[in-house]
Amino acid sequence: MLHAFYGLMRLFCTHSLSFAESVMMHENFEFACRSVSMNDVLGNARDEIFGTIEICMRKFQSQKDKLKKFREKLCSVYLGAFSTSKTHYFTFLRFMRSFETDEDKIHLLQNQILPILSNNFFGVHEMHHNATGCCCINELIEMLRRILDFLKFLVALKESAEKCLKRIVVLCDPECVKRIMTMIIHTHRATKLGNNVETLDRLGPYFPRRSHALSLMSQQHLRKVHPPHPMFNMCLHPMLVEANKGIDTCYDQYMNDFFSPYHTFVDRLLRVACNLGTNLVSSDQIAECSGLIGVEGSVLHSVYYVKFWLDLWQKHSEIFGETGSGKDVKERIESLKNSKFLREYVETILLNEQSSLSVAYIFSFMKMILNELSLDLVTSQIKKQCLENAGNVLKEQINWPTVDNASIFERMAPMLATRIGALRIILLFSQSAFVVESLKSENFCQLIDEWTQKFKQTLSACEIITTPAAEYDAATINIRPCTSSQAVSSTMRSTHASVNVPCWLNVETKQQILKLAEIMDETVSELKQKIVAFDFENCSDTDAA
């Protein structure tokens, strides 16, 4: 009976615009959506109701206001029903087919469609593995497609929003730029003096964590992630970092993704402030704002702080336009020299984040500060401690990877970064006669040559482990001799032709290792040249004591 009734209603809506409009606004139609269409027993009536919905939407395409109200009413009815029920999977899919436009997706996202979508996906997935639900593979695929569509839409929305925000910063009123910078400085300064618990609360439940999932309190308040009013509070207290850079690549990526948009925004804001000249935004304010962000980002090996000052130092007024005259640039550099955060950043890099020196921008910045500007930021005690740490790192016994323990290759990149950092610390202080004499007395060059030779032998083994999967015997998981891998010698092939390989090195890790190896060669060559060409007679060294 209901099937026939709603079928007639659909036909009337097809032929009469006024009847369709009255149906859209009638309260009984809302009841039909909530009660009849959610009843799995009344499948035919449900199809007629959704057919009526599609006809009404199609007829009122030109009347945006009426159509918008109708869509919002349907969303509130159905999303409220789906959030309390987890068994109406097919009704949910039928509902989703009626909402395909970008405006619909935005409205659904604002009304928490993602948790509902994930719950329905897991429900259909469970049905698929039950004996009674083995024929729902098409619905499972459609659920996955819906999730993928929302993911692509969110990424596109995020990118367009970031582009828009960048343009807004550039076009922002000068007084507004100054106020925003003041807010950022006050917030980060308070975080530096405060405790990490308060900072963690402000960062919200989606702050990356390694050891545990979201807390129960966080799960209960996921809908209230954002603070009650806009605040520039993405501050990173050092105690909140659960692992040093390089130990957990997934955690590193999550942290970078979490903070990178905010750091990009601050970097853009600083560059706009430099364009305004020293009359509107003082150099001390720029140095303090960039220094606070730079010290916090040092644990992430962030390059925004160092790249900002490198651009200002190297390209001078060209990078900031005509308003950034040479006098302004000189004043900015002087403010950097006098900044207390510069000393803190340099000490953090030298003592705690030596591996960050493998990043080209950070190493160039340290050379600019310690060598080109010749700033006296490092005490003799800190310098001695840095050199001792570097020496211990280089003398440390290395567990070199072989075919039998190929998984060590996954940890080789951070090991290389640490050793590059140690070498570059020595390179930064290689203008000291005391340092050069110490290196010569300990046969440093011979030690590095032996280490480099062993490393190159390891890279040749890397070519075996990264052989394409097609060249492995799938049955025995043994390496078979192949002619395509020319970097591997025939002797090595015959030696390891029947050794079981526990894992294969992925392409990204291999590229990272080879890139670090290239940096290692450049650093070693530069350091050797400085040691050989050092002029002891014309050197005024104060570290010898």
Protein backbone atom coordinates (compact mmCIF):
# COMPACT_ATOMS: atom_id res chain seq x y z
CA MET A 1 0.00 0.00 0.00
CA LEU A 2 2.79 2.43 0.93
CA HIS A 3 4.65 1.48 -2.22
CA ALA A 4 1.67 2.50 -4.37
CA PHE A 5 1.05 5.69 -2.39
CA TYR A 6 4.61 7.00 -2.68
CA GLY A 7 4.73 5.85 -6.31
CA LEU A 8 1.72 8.05 -7.11
CA MET A 9 3.32 10.94 -5.21
CA ARG A 10 6.47 10.58 -7.32
CA LEU A 11 4.39 10.66 -10.54
CA PHE A 12 2.51 13.80 -9.41
CA CYS A 13 5.82 15.52 -8.59
CA THR A 14 7.11 14.62 -12.06
CA HIS A 15 4.23 16.38 -13.82
CA SER A 16 3.46 19.26 -11.43
CA LEU A 17 5.99 21.83 -10.19
CA SER A 18 3.60 23.29 -7.60
CA PHE A 19 2.81 19.83 -6.20
CA ALA A 20 6.54 19.06 -5.93
CA GLU A 21 7.07 22.35 -4.06
CA SER A 22 4.28 21.55 -1.61
CA VAL A 23 5.73 18.07 -1.03
CA MET A 24 9.16 19.54 -0.31
CA MET A 25 7.78 21.77 2.44
CA HIS A 26 5.22 19.35 3.91
CA GLU A 27 5.94 17.94 7.37
CA ASN A 28 4.54 14.52 6.43
CA PHE A 29 7.29 14.11 3.85
CA GLU A 30 9.84 14.65 6.61
CA PHE A 31 8.07 11.90 8.57
CA ALA A 32 8.24 9.61 5.53
CA CYS A 33 11.98 10.19 5.23
CA ARG A 34 12.59 9.52 8.91
CA SER A 35 10.30 6.51 9.38
CA VAL A 36 9.40 4.84 6.09
CA SER A 37 12.66 5.17 4.16
CA MET A 38 14.67 3.93 7.17
CA ASN A 39 12.63 0.72 7.32
CA ASP A 40 14.46 -2.07 5.50
CA VAL A 41 11.26 -4.10 5.14
CA LEU A 42 9.67 -1.34 3.03
CA GLY A 43 12.33 -1.38 0.35
CA ASN A 44 10.04 -0.47 -2.57
CA ALA A 45 8.50 2.46 -0.69
CA ARG A 46 12.00 3.64 0.19
CA ASP A 47 12.99 3.64 -3.49
CA GLU A 48 9.91 5.71 -4.37
CA ILE A 49 10.72 8.27 -1.65
CA PHE A 50 14.28 8.70 -2.88
CA GLY A 51 12.95 8.91 -6.43
CA THR A 52 10.71 11.77 -5.30
CA ILE A 53 13.70 13.48 -3.66
CA GLU A 54 15.73 13.29 -6.87
CA ILE A 55 12.83 14.68 -8.95
CA CYS A 56 12.36 17.62 -6.56
CA MET A 57 16.06 18.43 -6.64
CA ARG A 58 16.13 18.28 -10.43
CA LYS A 59 13.05 20.49 -10.85
CA PHE A 60 14.33 23.25 -8.54
CA GLN A 61 17.88 23.55 -9.86
CA SER A 62 17.23 27.17 -10.87
CA GLN A 63 15.70 28.13 -7.50
CA LYS A 64 18.80 28.00 -5.32
CA ASP A 65 17.23 29.18 -2.06
CA LYS A 66 14.40 26.63 -2.02
CA LEU A 67 16.72 23.83 -3.05
CA LYS A 68 19.23 24.76 -0.35
CA LYS A 69 16.55 24.69 2.37
CA PHE A 70 15.28 21.33 1.12
CA ARG A 71 18.78 19.81 1.13
CA GLU A 72 19.53 21.11 4.61
CA LYS A 73 16.25 19.67 5.92
CA LEU A 74 17.01 16.26 4.38
CA CYS A 75 20.55 16.27 5.78
CA SER A 76 19.37 17.05 9.30
CA VAL A 77 16.73 14.29 9.13
CA TYR A 78 18.89 11.55 7.68
CA LEU A 79 22.17 12.34 9.43
CA GLY A 80 20.35 12.39 12.75
CA ALA A 81 18.89 8.96 11.98
CA PHE A 82 22.18 7.50 10.71
CA SER A 83 24.14 8.73 13.73
CA THR A 84 21.89 6.75 16.10
CA SER A 85 21.58 3.64 13.91
CA LYS A 86 24.37 1.51 12.44
CA THR A 87 22.38 -1.01 10.42
CA HIS A 88 20.83 1.01 7.57
CA TYR A 89 23.76 0.59 5.21
CA PHE A 90 21.85 0.44 1.94
CA THR A 91 19.60 3.36 2.87
CA PHE A 92 22.74 5.34 3.64
CA LEU A 93 24.18 4.59 0.19
CA ARG A 94 20.90 5.58 -1.44
CA PHE A 95 21.00 8.83 0.50
CA MET A 96 24.60 9.55 -0.53
CA ARG A 97 23.76 9.14 -4.23
CA SER A 98 21.44 12.15 -3.97
CA PHE A 99 24.19 14.45 -2.65
CA GLU A 100 27.02 14.71 -5.16
CA THR A 101 27.71 18.44 -5.58
CA ASP A 102 30.52 20.34 -3.83
CA GLU A 103 28.04 22.33 -1.76
CA ASP A 104 26.44 19.10 -0.58
CA LYS A 105 29.82 17.68 0.42
CA ILE A 106 30.70 20.79 2.40
CA HIS A 107 27.35 20.67 4.20
CA LEU A 108 27.78 16.96 4.95
CA LEU A 109 31.31 17.50 6.27
CA GLN A 110 30.09 20.26 8.54
CA ASN A 111 27.51 17.85 9.94
CA GLN A 112 30.02 15.08 10.81
CA ILE A 113 29.49 12.77 7.83
CA LEU A 114 32.92 11.15 8.15
CA PRO A 115 32.23 9.22 11.40
CA ILE A 116 28.90 8.06 9.97
CA LEU A 117 30.58 7.01 6.73
CA SER A 118 33.29 5.06 8.54
CA ASN A 119 30.75 3.28 10.77
CA ASN A 120 28.73 2.21 7.74
CA PHE A 121 31.86 1.04 5.95
CA PHE A 122 32.86 -1.20 8.86
CA GLY A 123 29.31 -2.52 9.06
CA VAL A 124 29.27 -3.49 5.37
CA HIS A 125 32.77 -4.93 5.74
CA GLU A 126 31.57 -7.15 8.58
CA MET A 127 28.57 -8.25 6.51
CA HIS A 128 30.88 -9.14 3.64
CA HIS A 129 32.68 -11.67 5.85
CA ASN A 130 29.48 -13.19 7.21
CA ALA A 131 27.78 -16.11 5.50
CA THR A 132 24.55 -14.14 5.01
CA GLY A 133 26.19 -11.01 3.57
CA CYS A 134 28.56 -12.41 0.98
CA CYS A 135 26.86 -10.62 -1.93
CA CYS A 136 27.52 -7.02 -0.80
CA ILE A 137 30.88 -6.57 -2.53
CA ASN A 138 29.48 -3.80 -4.76
CA GLU A 139 28.25 -1.85 -1.73
CA LEU A 140 31.64 -2.27 -0.07
CA ILE A 141 33.38 -0.89 -3.15
CA GLU A 142 30.96 2.03 -3.27
CA MET A 143 31.65 2.82 0.39
CA LEU A 144 35.38 2.89 -0.35
CA ARG A 145 34.77 5.12 -3.36
CA ARG A 146 32.76 7.52 -1.19
CA ILE A 147 35.57 7.70 1.35
CA LEU A 148 38.10 8.33 -1.43
CA ASP A 149 35.90 11.06 -2.93
CA PHE A 150 35.70 12.87 0.40
CA LEU A 151 39.45 12.51 0.87
CA LYS A 152 40.19 14.06 -2.53
CA PHE A 153 37.64 16.79 -1.90
CA LEU A 154 39.14 17.61 1.50
CA VAL A 155 42.67 17.76 0.09
CA ALA A 156 41.55 20.07 -2.72
CA LEU A 157 39.62 22.21 -0.22
CA LYS A 158 42.64 22.41 2.08
CA GLU A 159 44.98 23.43 -0.75
CA SER A 160 42.61 26.12 -2.02
CA ALA A 161 42.14 27.44 1.52
CA GLU A 162 45.91 27.63 2.06
CA LYS A 163 46.39 29.49 -1.24
CA CYS A 164 43.65 31.92 -0.26
CA LEU A 165 45.19 32.49 3.17
CA LYS A 166 48.60 33.17 1.62
CA ARG A 167 47.06 35.82 -0.60
CA ILE A 168 45.22 37.30 2.38
CA VAL A 169 48.50 37.61 4.30
CA VAL A 170 50.14 39.42 1.38
CA LEU A 171 47.21 41.82 1.02
CA CYS A 172 46.75 42.25 4.76
CA ASP A 173 46.65 45.71 6.31
CA PRO A 174 50.07 46.71 7.80
CA GLU A 175 48.56 47.40 11.20
CA CYS A 176 46.92 43.96 11.13
CA VAL A 177 50.28 42.31 10.33
CA LYS A 178 51.84 44.05 13.31
CA ARG A 179 49.04 42.93 15.65
CA ILE A 180 49.22 39.32 14.46
CA MET A 181 52.98 39.23 15.04
CA THR A 182 52.46 40.63 18.54
CA MET A 183 49.89 37.92 19.30
CA ILE A 184 52.25 35.19 18.04
CA ILE A 185 55.12 36.51 20.16
CA HIS A 186 53.02 36.69 23.33
CA THR A 187 51.59 33.19 22.82
CA HIS A 188 54.93 31.49 22.15
CA ARG A 189 56.67 33.40 24.91
CA ALA A 190 54.01 32.25 27.39
CA THR A 191 54.40 28.65 26.18
CA LYS A 192 58.15 28.84 26.68
CA LEU A 193 57.61 29.83 30.31
CA GLY A 194 54.61 27.54 30.90
CA ASN A 195 54.22 23.78 31.22
CA ASN A 196 53.71 21.21 28.50
CA VAL A 197 50.31 20.02 29.78
CA GLU A 198 48.66 23.35 29.00
CA THR A 199 50.30 23.37 25.56
CA LEU A 200 49.06 19.85 24.82
CA ASP A 201 45.49 20.82 25.71
CA ARG A 202 45.61 23.74 23.29
CA LEU A 203 47.00 21.60 20.45
CA GLY A 204 43.90 19.41 20.52
CA PRO A 205 43.32 15.64 20.29
CA TYR A 206 44.86 15.30 16.81
CA PHE A 207 48.37 16.19 17.97
CA PRO A 208 50.62 13.28 16.79
CA ARG A 209 51.47 10.64 19.37
CA ARG A 210 53.57 7.49 19.13
CA SER A 211 52.85 5.51 22.26
CA HIS A 212 49.08 5.65 22.69
CA ALA A 213 45.84 6.42 20.91
CA LEU A 214 43.50 9.29 21.68
CA SER A 215 42.56 9.54 25.31
CA LEU A 216 38.98 8.94 26.40
CA MET A 217 38.50 12.61 27.18
CA SER A 218 39.78 13.57 23.73
CA GLN A 219 37.45 11.10 22.04
CA GLN A 220 34.47 12.59 23.87
CA HIS A 221 35.31 16.09 22.67
CA LEU A 222 36.34 15.50 19.06
CA ARG A 223 33.60 17.84 17.87
CA LYS A 224 35.19 20.65 19.91
CA VAL A 225 38.71 20.48 18.53
CA HIS A 226 38.97 24.18 17.72
CA PRO A 227 39.44 26.73 20.52
CA PRO A 228 36.48 28.97 21.38
CA HIS A 229 38.11 31.94 19.61
CA PRO A 230 40.95 32.25 17.06
CA MET A 231 44.39 31.97 18.66
CA PHE A 232 47.89 31.52 17.31
CA ASN A 233 48.67 28.75 19.74
CA MET A 234 50.43 26.02 17.72
CA CYS A 235 53.37 26.08 20.09
CA LEU A 236 55.67 23.07 20.40
CA HIS A 237 57.09 22.51 23.85
CA PRO A 238 60.27 20.32 23.67
CA MET A 239 58.84 17.94 26.28
CA LEU A 240 55.97 17.05 23.91
CA VAL A 241 58.29 15.50 21.31
CA GLU A 242 58.27 11.74 21.89
CA ALA A 243 61.15 10.76 19.58
CA ASN A 244 64.17 12.45 18.08
CA LYS A 245 64.17 13.13 14.38
CA GLY A 246 65.03 10.02 12.35
CA ILE A 247 64.01 7.35 14.86
CA ASP A 248 60.42 6.97 13.65
CA THR A 249 59.86 8.17 10.08
CA CYS A 250 56.05 7.95 10.34
CA TYR A 251 56.03 10.05 13.50
CA ASP A 252 58.38 12.57 11.84
CA GLN A 253 56.02 12.87 8.88
CA TYR A 254 52.97 13.34 11.13
CA MET A 255 54.71 16.07 13.12
CA ASN A 256 55.82 17.82 9.95
CA ASP A 257 52.31 17.66 8.46
CA PHE A 258 50.84 18.98 11.71
CA PHE A 259 53.11 22.03 12.10
CA SER A 260 54.15 22.80 8.53
CA PRO A 261 51.05 24.89 7.57
CA TYR A 262 51.45 27.06 10.66
CA HIS A 263 55.19 27.54 10.16
CA THR A 264 54.57 28.36 6.49
CA PHE A 265 52.05 31.00 7.54
CA VAL A 266 54.49 32.60 10.01
CA ASP A 267 57.25 32.56 7.40
CA ARG A 268 54.99 34.33 4.91
CA LEU A 269 53.97 36.83 7.60
CA LEU A 270 57.61 37.63 8.40
CA ARG A 271 58.43 38.23 4.75
CA VAL A 272 55.45 40.55 4.40
CA ALA A 273 56.56 42.39 7.55
CA CYS A 274 60.01 42.89 6.02
CA ASN A 275 58.34 44.44 2.99
CA LEU A 276 56.68 47.02 5.22
CA GLY A 277 60.00 48.51 6.32
CA THR A 278 61.38 49.27 9.77
CA ASN A 279 59.02 52.21 10.30
CA LEU A 280 55.98 49.93 10.64
CA VAL A 281 57.44 46.67 12.01
CA SER A 282 60.60 46.86 14.09
CA SER A 283 63.56 44.60 13.36
CA ASP A 284 63.62 43.40 16.98
CA GLN A 285 60.02 42.22 16.67
CA ILE A 286 60.84 40.26 13.50
CA ALA A 287 63.93 38.71 15.11
CA GLU A 288 61.99 37.70 18.22
CA CYS A 289 59.05 36.23 16.30
CA SER A 290 61.25 34.23 13.94
CA GLY A 291 63.54 33.17 16.79
CA LEU A 292 60.71 31.75 18.90
CA ILE A 293 59.41 29.70 15.97
CA GLY A 294 62.95 28.67 14.97
CA VAL A 295 63.89 27.33 18.40
CA GLU A 296 60.64 25.34 18.62
CA GLY A 297 61.12 23.99 15.08
CA SER A 298 64.72 22.93 15.68
CA VAL A 299 63.59 19.55 17.05
CA LEU A 300 61.70 19.00 13.76
CA HIS A 301 64.73 20.10 11.69
CA SER A 302 62.49 22.82 10.26
CA VAL A 303 64.19 25.12 7.74
CA TYR A 304 61.77 28.08 7.71
CA TYR A 305 63.76 30.09 10.26
CA VAL A 306 67.17 29.55 8.67
CA LYS A 307 65.91 29.99 5.12
CA PHE A 308 64.28 33.29 6.01
CA TRP A 309 67.54 34.74 7.32
CA LEU A 310 69.62 33.18 4.55
CA ASP A 311 67.40 34.83 1.95
CA LEU A 312 67.69 38.14 3.77
CA TRP A 313 71.46 37.80 4.04
CA GLN A 314 72.21 36.57 0.52
CA LYS A 315 69.72 38.40 -1.69
CA HIS A 316 69.38 41.57 0.37
CA SER A 317 66.84 44.06 -0.99
CA GLU A 318 66.05 42.02 -4.13
CA ILE A 319 64.01 39.48 -2.21
CA PHE A 320 61.85 42.09 -0.48
CA GLY A 321 61.33 44.72 -3.20
CA GLU A 322 62.09 48.40 -3.31
CA THR A 323 60.84 49.19 0.22
CA GLY A 324 63.44 46.89 1.74
CA SER A 325 66.42 49.17 1.21
CA GLY A 326 69.99 48.25 2.06
CA LYS A 327 69.72 50.19 5.32
CA ASP A 328 66.66 48.17 6.35
CA VAL A 329 68.41 44.89 5.55
CA LYS A 330 71.44 45.87 7.60
CA GLU A 331 69.19 46.73 10.53
CA ARG A 332 67.43 43.35 10.23
CA ILE A 333 70.76 41.51 10.30
CA GLU A 334 71.87 43.51 13.33
CA SER A 335 68.67 42.53 15.13
CA LEU A 336 69.48 38.88 14.39
CA LYS A 337 72.97 39.27 15.86
CA ASN A 338 71.54 40.75 19.05
CA SER A 339 68.72 38.21 19.39
CA LYS A 340 68.92 35.96 22.45
CA PHE A 341 67.05 33.27 20.54
CA LEU A 342 69.87 33.01 17.99
CA ARG A 343 72.28 31.86 20.70
CA GLU A 344 69.69 29.38 21.97
CA TYR A 345 69.11 28.03 18.46
CA VAL A 346 72.85 27.59 17.77
CA GLU A 347 73.40 25.80 21.09
CA THR A 348 70.39 23.54 20.47
CA ILE A 349 71.72 22.52 17.05
CA LEU A 350 75.28 21.91 18.25
CA LEU A 351 74.42 20.03 21.45
CA ASN A 352 71.07 18.30 20.86
CA GLU A 353 70.27 18.23 17.14
CA GLN A 354 73.63 17.52 15.47
CA SER A 355 71.98 15.36 12.80
CA SER A 356 70.09 18.42 11.53
CA LEU A 357 73.40 19.69 10.11
CA SER A 358 72.91 17.15 7.32
CA VAL A 359 70.19 19.53 6.05
CA ALA A 360 71.81 21.95 3.60
CA TYR A 361 69.93 25.08 4.73
CA ILE A 362 70.70 24.55 8.42
CA PHE A 363 74.40 23.92 7.74
CA SER A 364 74.62 27.02 5.50
CA PHE A 365 72.98 29.11 8.23
CA MET A 366 75.42 27.84 10.85
CA LYS A 367 78.36 28.64 8.56
CA MET A 368 76.95 32.13 8.01
CA ILE A 369 76.59 32.73 11.75
CA LEU A 370 79.85 31.20 12.99
CA ASN A 371 82.18 31.87 10.06
CA GLU A 372 80.92 34.70 7.84
CA LEU A 373 79.43 36.91 10.56
CA SER A 374 82.01 35.64 13.08
CA LEU A 375 79.57 35.93 15.96
CA ASP A 376 80.92 34.88 19.34
CA LEU A 377 77.92 32.75 20.30
CA VAL A 378 79.67 29.54 21.35
CA THR A 379 81.74 29.43 24.50
CA SER A 380 84.93 27.41 24.64
CA GLN A 381 83.24 24.94 27.00
CA ILE A 382 80.36 24.30 24.57
CA LYS A 383 82.80 24.05 21.67
CA LYS A 384 84.85 21.47 23.55
CA GLN A 385 81.73 19.47 24.41
CA CYS A 386 80.55 19.56 20.77
CA LEU A 387 83.89 18.31 19.49
CA GLU A 388 84.01 15.55 22.10
CA ASN A 389 80.53 14.42 21.13
CA ALA A 390 81.46 14.48 17.45
CA GLY A 391 84.59 12.44 18.09
CA ASN A 392 82.66 9.85 20.08
CA VAL A 393 80.09 9.53 17.29
CA LEU A 394 82.75 8.98 14.63
CA LYS A 395 84.65 6.43 16.75
CA GLU A 396 81.50 4.52 17.66
CA GLN A 397 81.35 0.94 16.43
CA ILE A 398 78.85 0.54 13.58
CA ASN A 399 76.66 -2.50 13.09
CA TRP A 400 77.02 -2.62 9.31
CA PRO A 401 74.11 -4.14 7.35
CA THR A 402 74.59 -7.38 5.47
CA VAL A 403 72.29 -9.61 3.49
CA ASP A 404 71.61 -11.58 6.68
CA ASN A 405 70.45 -8.51 8.64
CA ALA A 406 69.06 -6.39 5.84
CA SER A 407 66.54 -4.72 8.15
CA ILE A 408 69.38 -2.56 9.52
CA PHE A 409 69.30 -0.67 6.22
CA GLU A 410 66.03 0.89 7.40
CA ARG A 411 67.96 2.51 10.28
CA MET A 412 70.96 3.48 8.18
CA ALA A 413 69.67 6.91 7.10
CA PRO A 414 69.50 8.39 10.65
CA MET A 415 72.89 6.83 11.41
CA LEU A 416 74.38 8.57 8.36
CA ALA A 417 72.71 11.87 9.28
CA THR A 418 74.24 11.68 12.77
CA ARG A 419 77.73 11.11 11.37
CA ILE A 420 77.34 13.87 8.80
CA GLY A 421 76.33 16.16 11.67
CA ALA A 422 79.46 15.17 13.61
CA LEU A 423 81.70 15.83 10.59
CA ARG A 424 80.07 19.18 9.94
CA ILE A 425 80.49 20.25 13.57
CA ILE A 426 84.22 19.62 13.13
CA LEU A 427 84.07 21.50 9.82
CA LEU A 428 82.42 24.50 11.49
CA PHE A 429 85.29 24.76 13.98
CA SER A 430 88.05 23.79 11.53
CA GLN A 431 89.38 27.37 11.54
CA SER A 432 90.85 26.66 14.94
CA ALA A 433 94.51 25.56 15.02
CA PHE A 434 93.82 23.58 18.19
CA VAL A 435 91.12 21.56 16.41
CA VAL A 436 93.27 20.87 13.34
CA GLU A 437 96.25 19.76 15.46
CA SER A 438 93.99 17.40 17.40
CA LEU A 439 92.66 15.89 14.17
CA LYS A 440 96.16 15.35 12.80
CA SER A 441 97.42 13.80 16.02
CA GLU A 442 94.58 11.25 16.05
CA ASN A 443 95.02 10.26 12.37
CA PHE A 444 91.56 11.58 11.67
CA CYS A 445 91.90 11.39 7.88
CA GLN A 446 92.93 7.73 8.04
CA LEU A 447 89.96 6.95 10.29
CA ILE A 448 87.56 8.64 7.88
CA ASP A 449 89.10 6.85 4.87
CA GLU A 450 88.60 3.45 6.51
CA TRP A 451 85.04 4.35 7.48
CA THR A 452 84.22 5.62 3.97
CA GLN A 453 85.65 2.49 2.33
CA LYS A 454 83.56 0.25 4.57
CA PHE A 455 80.50 2.35 3.83
CA LYS A 456 80.97 2.01 0.06
CA GLN A 457 81.23 -1.76 0.44
CA THR A 458 77.93 -1.65 2.31
CA LEU A 459 76.32 0.32 -0.50
CA SER A 460 77.27 -2.42 -2.94
CA ALA A 461 75.39 -4.87 -0.72
CA CYS A 462 72.49 -2.47 -0.82
CA GLU A 463 72.29 -3.08 -4.56
CA ILE A 464 71.67 -6.79 -3.86
CA ILE A 465 68.91 -6.20 -1.34
CA THR A 466 67.13 -3.66 -3.53
CA THR A 467 66.99 -5.96 -6.55
CA PRO A 468 63.48 -5.78 -8.11
CA ALA A 469 60.99 -8.24 -6.69
CA ALA A 470 60.57 -9.92 -10.09
CA GLU A 471 64.12 -11.22 -9.82
CA TYR A 472 63.41 -13.12 -6.61
CA ASP A 473 62.07 -16.65 -6.41
CA ALA A 474 58.63 -16.25 -4.85
CA ALA A 475 58.59 -19.83 -3.59
CA THR A 476 61.90 -19.86 -1.70
CA ILE A 477 62.39 -16.10 -1.22
CA ASN A 478 65.99 -16.56 -2.36
CA ILE A 479 68.02 -14.23 -4.54
CA ARG A 480 68.55 -15.59 -8.01
CA PRO A 481 71.52 -14.53 -10.14
CA CYS A 482 70.49 -11.83 -12.60
CA THR A 483 72.25 -9.84 -15.29
CA SER A 484 70.48 -6.50 -14.79
CA SER A 485 72.20 -5.52 -11.54
CA GLN A 486 75.58 -4.40 -12.83
CA ALA A 487 76.67 -2.69 -9.65
CA VAL A 488 77.03 -6.07 -7.92
CA SER A 489 80.13 -8.08 -8.62
CA SER A 490 79.93 -11.67 -9.80
CA THR A 491 81.77 -12.81 -6.68
CA MET A 492 79.18 -11.20 -4.43
CA ARG A 493 76.37 -12.77 -6.45
CA SER A 494 77.79 -16.23 -6.10
CA THR A 495 78.39 -15.70 -2.39
CA HIS A 496 74.83 -14.57 -1.61
CA ALA A 497 72.94 -16.43 -4.31
CA SER A 498 71.10 -18.68 -1.86
CA VAL A 499 70.76 -16.48 1.23
CA ASN A 500 67.27 -15.76 2.54
CA VAL A 501 66.42 -12.05 2.52
CA PRO A 502 64.24 -10.93 5.46
CA CYS A 503 63.07 -7.71 3.77
CA TRP A 504 63.57 -5.52 0.75
CA LEU A 505 64.60 -1.91 0.98
CA ASN A 506 62.01 0.47 -0.41
CA VAL A 507 62.94 2.98 -3.09
CA GLU A 508 62.51 6.07 -0.87
CA THR A 509 64.90 4.73 1.78
CA LYS A 510 67.47 3.79 -0.83
CA GLN A 511 67.32 7.26 -2.40
CA GLN A 512 67.68 8.87 1.01
CA ILE A 513 70.74 6.73 1.79
CA LEU A 514 72.38 7.53 -1.55
CA LYS A 515 71.69 11.26 -1.09
CA LEU A 516 73.24 11.21 2.39
CA ALA A 517 76.20 9.28 0.99
CA GLU A 518 76.77 12.05 -1.54
CA ILE A 519 76.61 14.67 1.24
CA MET A 520 79.06 12.55 3.23
CA ASP A 521 81.60 12.52 0.38
CA GLU A 522 81.35 16.29 -0.07
CA THR A 523 81.78 16.94 3.66
CA VAL A 524 84.78 14.61 3.98
CA SER A 525 86.50 16.16 0.94
CA GLU A 526 85.96 19.70 2.21
CA LEU A 527 87.21 18.80 5.68
CA LYS A 528 90.35 17.13 4.32
CA GLN A 529 91.16 20.15 2.17
CA LYS A 530 90.84 22.47 5.16
CA ILE A 531 93.09 20.28 7.29
CA VAL A 532 95.79 20.04 4.61
CA ALA A 533 95.66 23.73 3.63
CA PHE A 534 95.46 25.13 7.16
CA ASP A 535 97.87 28.03 7.78
CA PHE A 536 99.20 27.67 11.33
CA GLU A 537 101.52 30.69 11.14
CA ASN A 538 98.85 33.28 10.34
CA CYS A 539 96.20 31.83 12.64
CA SER A 540 95.23 33.70 15.80
CA ASP A 541 93.65 30.90 17.80
CA THR A 542 92.20 31.46 21.26
CA ASP A 543 91.05 27.87 21.79
CA ALA A 544 94.49 26.34 22.24
CA ALA A 545 94.40 27.09 25.91
